[in-house]
Amino acid sequence: MRKQFITSIMSISLFLIACGNPMDDTANNAATSETTANMATDTAIEKTYDVKILDNKKDPTCGMPVTAGVSDTAHYKNKVIGFCATECKAEFLKNPEANIAAAELIK
């Protein structure tokens, strides 16, 4: 009886070792996901726009001068319009005809 018990314990131990511990896999997957996320953040490329390519002097939504910084652009009626923020671009695209006058387009 004792020999059978020891054999059973050894078999179960070998099985657990061979299969691995699922909690370790979960921890490894979480660590891998975190590392991948950090790599994506570390290697993100920040977009920069040269003011020379823009056809406007001011952000048409908020009125900020584009020389202060441009984070996004849109093409509208063969013009490249610069925006200080993606939120300003989204607001402009809701009704571009109403907002384009505020852009102070460069002739």
C-alpha atoms as a PDB file:
ATOM      1  CA  MET A   1       0.000   0.000   0.000  1.00  0.00           C
ATOM      2  CA  ARG A   2       2.795   2.407   0.910  1.00  0.00           C
ATOM      3  CA  LYS A   3       4.658   1.596  -2.320  1.00  0.00           C
ATOM      4  CA  GLN A   4       1.514   2.323  -4.354  1.00  0.00           C
ATOM      5  CA  PHE A   5       1.053   5.660  -2.515  1.00  0.00           C
ATOM      6  CA  ILE A   6       4.653   6.735  -3.212  1.00  0.00           C
ATOM      7  CA  THR A   7       4.330   5.717  -6.876  1.00  0.00           C
ATOM      8  CA  SER A   8       1.125   7.752  -7.177  1.00  0.00           C
ATOM      9  CA  ILE A   9       2.734  10.815  -5.590  1.00  0.00           C
ATOM     10  CA  MET A  10       5.737  10.544  -7.916  1.00  0.00           C
ATOM     11  CA  SER A  11       3.503  10.164 -10.968  1.00  0.00           C
ATOM     12  CA  ILE A  12       1.455  13.220 -10.016  1.00  0.00           C
ATOM     13  CA  SER A  13       4.642  15.206  -9.348  1.00  0.00           C
ATOM     14  CA  LEU A  14       6.087  14.304 -12.746  1.00  0.00           C
ATOM     15  CA  PHE A  15       2.799  15.207 -14.408  1.00  0.00           C
ATOM     16  CA  LEU A  16       2.740  18.630 -12.750  1.00  0.00           C
ATOM     17  CA  ILE A  17       6.359  19.320 -13.619  1.00  0.00           C
ATOM     18  CA  ALA A  18       5.867  18.241 -17.247  1.00  0.00           C
ATOM     19  CA  CYS A  19       2.688  20.300 -17.707  1.00  0.00           C
ATOM     20  CA  GLY A  20       3.943  23.409 -15.992  1.00  0.00           C
ATOM     21  CA  ASN A  21       2.117  25.587 -13.566  1.00  0.00           C
ATOM     22  CA  PRO A  22      -0.679  27.658 -15.193  1.00  0.00           C
ATOM     23  CA  MET A  23      -0.135  30.508 -12.720  1.00  0.00           C
ATOM     24  CA  ASP A  24       3.455  30.844 -13.924  1.00  0.00           C
ATOM     25  CA  ASP A  25       2.226  31.049 -17.533  1.00  0.00           C
ATOM     26  CA  THR A  26      -0.235  33.773 -16.568  1.00  0.00           C
ATOM     27  CA  ALA A  27       2.504  35.743 -14.860  1.00  0.00           C
ATOM     28  CA  ASN A  28       4.801  35.282 -17.862  1.00  0.00           C
ATOM     29  CA  ASN A  29       2.059  36.377 -20.280  1.00  0.00           C
ATOM     30  CA  ALA A  30       1.370  39.476 -18.181  1.00  0.00           C
ATOM     31  CA  ALA A  31       5.081  40.314 -18.083  1.00  0.00           C
ATOM     32  CA  THR A  32       5.357  39.805 -21.843  1.00  0.00           C
ATOM     33  CA  SER A  33       2.336  42.026 -22.487  1.00  0.00           C
ATOM     34  CA  GLU A  34       3.757  44.751 -20.245  1.00  0.00           C
ATOM     35  CA  THR A  35       7.140  44.554 -21.972  1.00  0.00           C
ATOM     36  CA  THR A  36       5.486  44.768 -25.392  1.00  0.00           C
ATOM     37  CA  ALA A  37       3.430  47.779 -24.290  1.00  0.00           C
ATOM     38  CA  ASN A  38       6.552  49.502 -22.955  1.00  0.00           C
ATOM     39  CA  MET A  39       8.391  48.830 -26.199  1.00  0.00           C
ATOM     40  CA  ALA A  40       5.518  50.327 -28.190  1.00  0.00           C
ATOM     41  CA  THR A  41       5.556  53.420 -25.989  1.00  0.00           C
ATOM     42  CA  ASP A  42       9.326  53.739 -26.119  1.00  0.00           C
ATOM     43  CA  THR A  43       9.441  53.418 -29.907  1.00  0.00           C
ATOM     44  CA  ALA A  44       6.428  55.611 -30.709  1.00  0.00           C
ATOM     45  CA  ILE A  45       7.247  58.169 -33.358  1.00  0.00           C
ATOM     46  CA  GLU A  46       6.014  61.653 -32.661  1.00  0.00           C
ATOM     47  CA  LYS A  47       4.629  63.359 -35.746  1.00  0.00           C
ATOM     48  CA  THR A  48       5.880  66.817 -36.453  1.00  0.00           C
ATOM     49  CA  TYR A  49       4.575  69.076 -39.171  1.00  0.00           C
ATOM     50  CA  ASP A  50       6.490  71.857 -40.850  1.00  0.00           C
ATOM     51  CA  VAL A  51       4.436  75.055 -40.882  1.00  0.00           C
ATOM     52  CA  LYS A  52       5.594  75.630 -44.474  1.00  0.00           C
ATOM     53  CA  ILE A  53       3.314  72.844 -45.743  1.00  0.00           C
ATOM     54  CA  LEU A  54       0.212  74.405 -44.202  1.00  0.00           C
ATOM     55  CA  ASP A  55      -2.243  76.665 -45.971  1.00  0.00           C
ATOM     56  CA  ASN A  56      -3.552  78.299 -42.794  1.00  0.00           C
ATOM     57  CA  LYS A  57      -2.196  80.720 -40.194  1.00  0.00           C
ATOM     58  CA  LYS A  58      -4.548  79.757 -37.347  1.00  0.00           C
ATOM     59  CA  ASP A  59      -6.284  76.644 -36.104  1.00  0.00           C
ATOM     60  CA  PRO A  60      -9.789  77.165 -37.539  1.00  0.00           C
ATOM     61  CA  THR A  61     -11.469  75.706 -34.461  1.00  0.00           C
ATOM     62  CA  CYS A  62      -9.741  77.418 -31.543  1.00  0.00           C
ATOM     63  CA  GLY A  63      -7.827  80.224 -33.258  1.00  0.00           C
ATOM     64  CA  MET A  64      -4.384  79.231 -31.994  1.00  0.00           C
ATOM     65  CA  PRO A  65      -1.557  80.223 -34.375  1.00  0.00           C
ATOM     66  CA  VAL A  66      -0.149  77.190 -36.185  1.00  0.00           C
ATOM     67  CA  THR A  67       3.360  78.497 -35.494  1.00  0.00           C
ATOM     68  CA  ALA A  68       2.778  77.484 -31.847  1.00  0.00           C
ATOM     69  CA  GLY A  69       2.587  73.820 -32.849  1.00  0.00           C
ATOM     70  CA  VAL A  70       0.623  71.475 -35.054  1.00  0.00           C
ATOM     71  CA  SER A  71      -0.429  68.023 -33.891  1.00  0.00           C
ATOM     72  CA  ASP A  72      -2.677  67.046 -36.811  1.00  0.00           C
ATOM     73  CA  THR A  73      -3.642  68.069 -40.327  1.00  0.00           C
ATOM     74  CA  ALA A  74      -6.537  67.644 -42.726  1.00  0.00           C
ATOM     75  CA  HIS A  75      -6.957  68.162 -46.446  1.00  0.00           C
ATOM     76  CA  TYR A  76      -9.884  70.382 -47.342  1.00  0.00           C
ATOM     77  CA  LYS A  77     -10.584  71.814 -50.818  1.00  0.00           C
ATOM     78  CA  ASN A  78      -6.989  71.201 -51.972  1.00  0.00           C
ATOM     79  CA  LYS A  79      -5.597  72.915 -48.856  1.00  0.00           C
ATOM     80  CA  VAL A  80      -3.587  71.436 -45.994  1.00  0.00           C
ATOM     81  CA  ILE A  81      -5.116  72.701 -42.763  1.00  0.00           C
ATOM     82  CA  GLY A  82      -3.126  72.417 -39.519  1.00  0.00           C
ATOM     83  CA  PHE A  83      -4.646  71.893 -36.074  1.00  0.00           C
ATOM     84  CA  CYS A  84      -3.206  72.256 -32.582  1.00  0.00           C
ATOM     85  CA  ALA A  85      -4.970  69.101 -31.390  1.00  0.00           C
ATOM     86  CA  THR A  86      -6.853  66.117 -32.795  1.00  0.00           C
ATOM     87  CA  GLU A  87      -9.950  67.345 -30.940  1.00  0.00           C
ATOM     88  CA  CYS A  88      -9.815  70.604 -32.918  1.00  0.00           C
ATOM     89  CA  LYS A  89      -9.551  68.635 -36.150  1.00  0.00           C
ATOM     90  CA  ALA A  90     -12.548  66.484 -35.182  1.00  0.00           C
ATOM     91  CA  GLU A  91     -14.599  69.593 -34.391  1.00  0.00           C
ATOM     92  CA  PHE A  92     -13.597  71.213 -37.697  1.00  0.00           C
ATOM     93  CA  LEU A  93     -14.589  68.131 -39.694  1.00  0.00           C
ATOM     94  CA  LYS A  94     -18.118  68.243 -38.260  1.00  0.00           C
ATOM     95  CA  ASN A  95     -18.791  71.455 -40.233  1.00  0.00           C
ATOM     96  CA  PRO A  96     -15.760  72.561 -42.271  1.00  0.00           C
ATOM     97  CA  GLU A  97     -17.621  75.226 -44.291  1.00  0.00           C
ATOM     98  CA  ALA A  98     -18.575  77.096 -41.135  1.00  0.00           C
ATOM     99  CA  ASN A  99     -15.051  76.890 -39.658  1.00  0.00           C
ATOM    100  CA  ILE A 100     -12.787  77.489 -42.670  1.00  0.00           C
ATOM    101  CA  ALA A 101     -13.038  81.307 -42.510  1.00  0.00           C
ATOM    102  CA  ALA A 102     -11.382  81.307 -39.086  1.00  0.00           C
ATOM    103  CA  ALA A 103      -8.335  79.490 -40.491  1.00  0.00           C
ATOM    104  CA  GLU A 104      -6.936  82.668 -42.098  1.00  0.00           C
ATOM    105  CA  LEU A 105      -5.871  80.859 -45.249  1.00  0.00           C
ATOM    106  CA  ILE A 106      -2.618  81.860 -46.862  1.00  0.00           C
ATOM    107  CA  LYS A 107      -3.196  82.966 -50.434  1.00  0.00           C
END
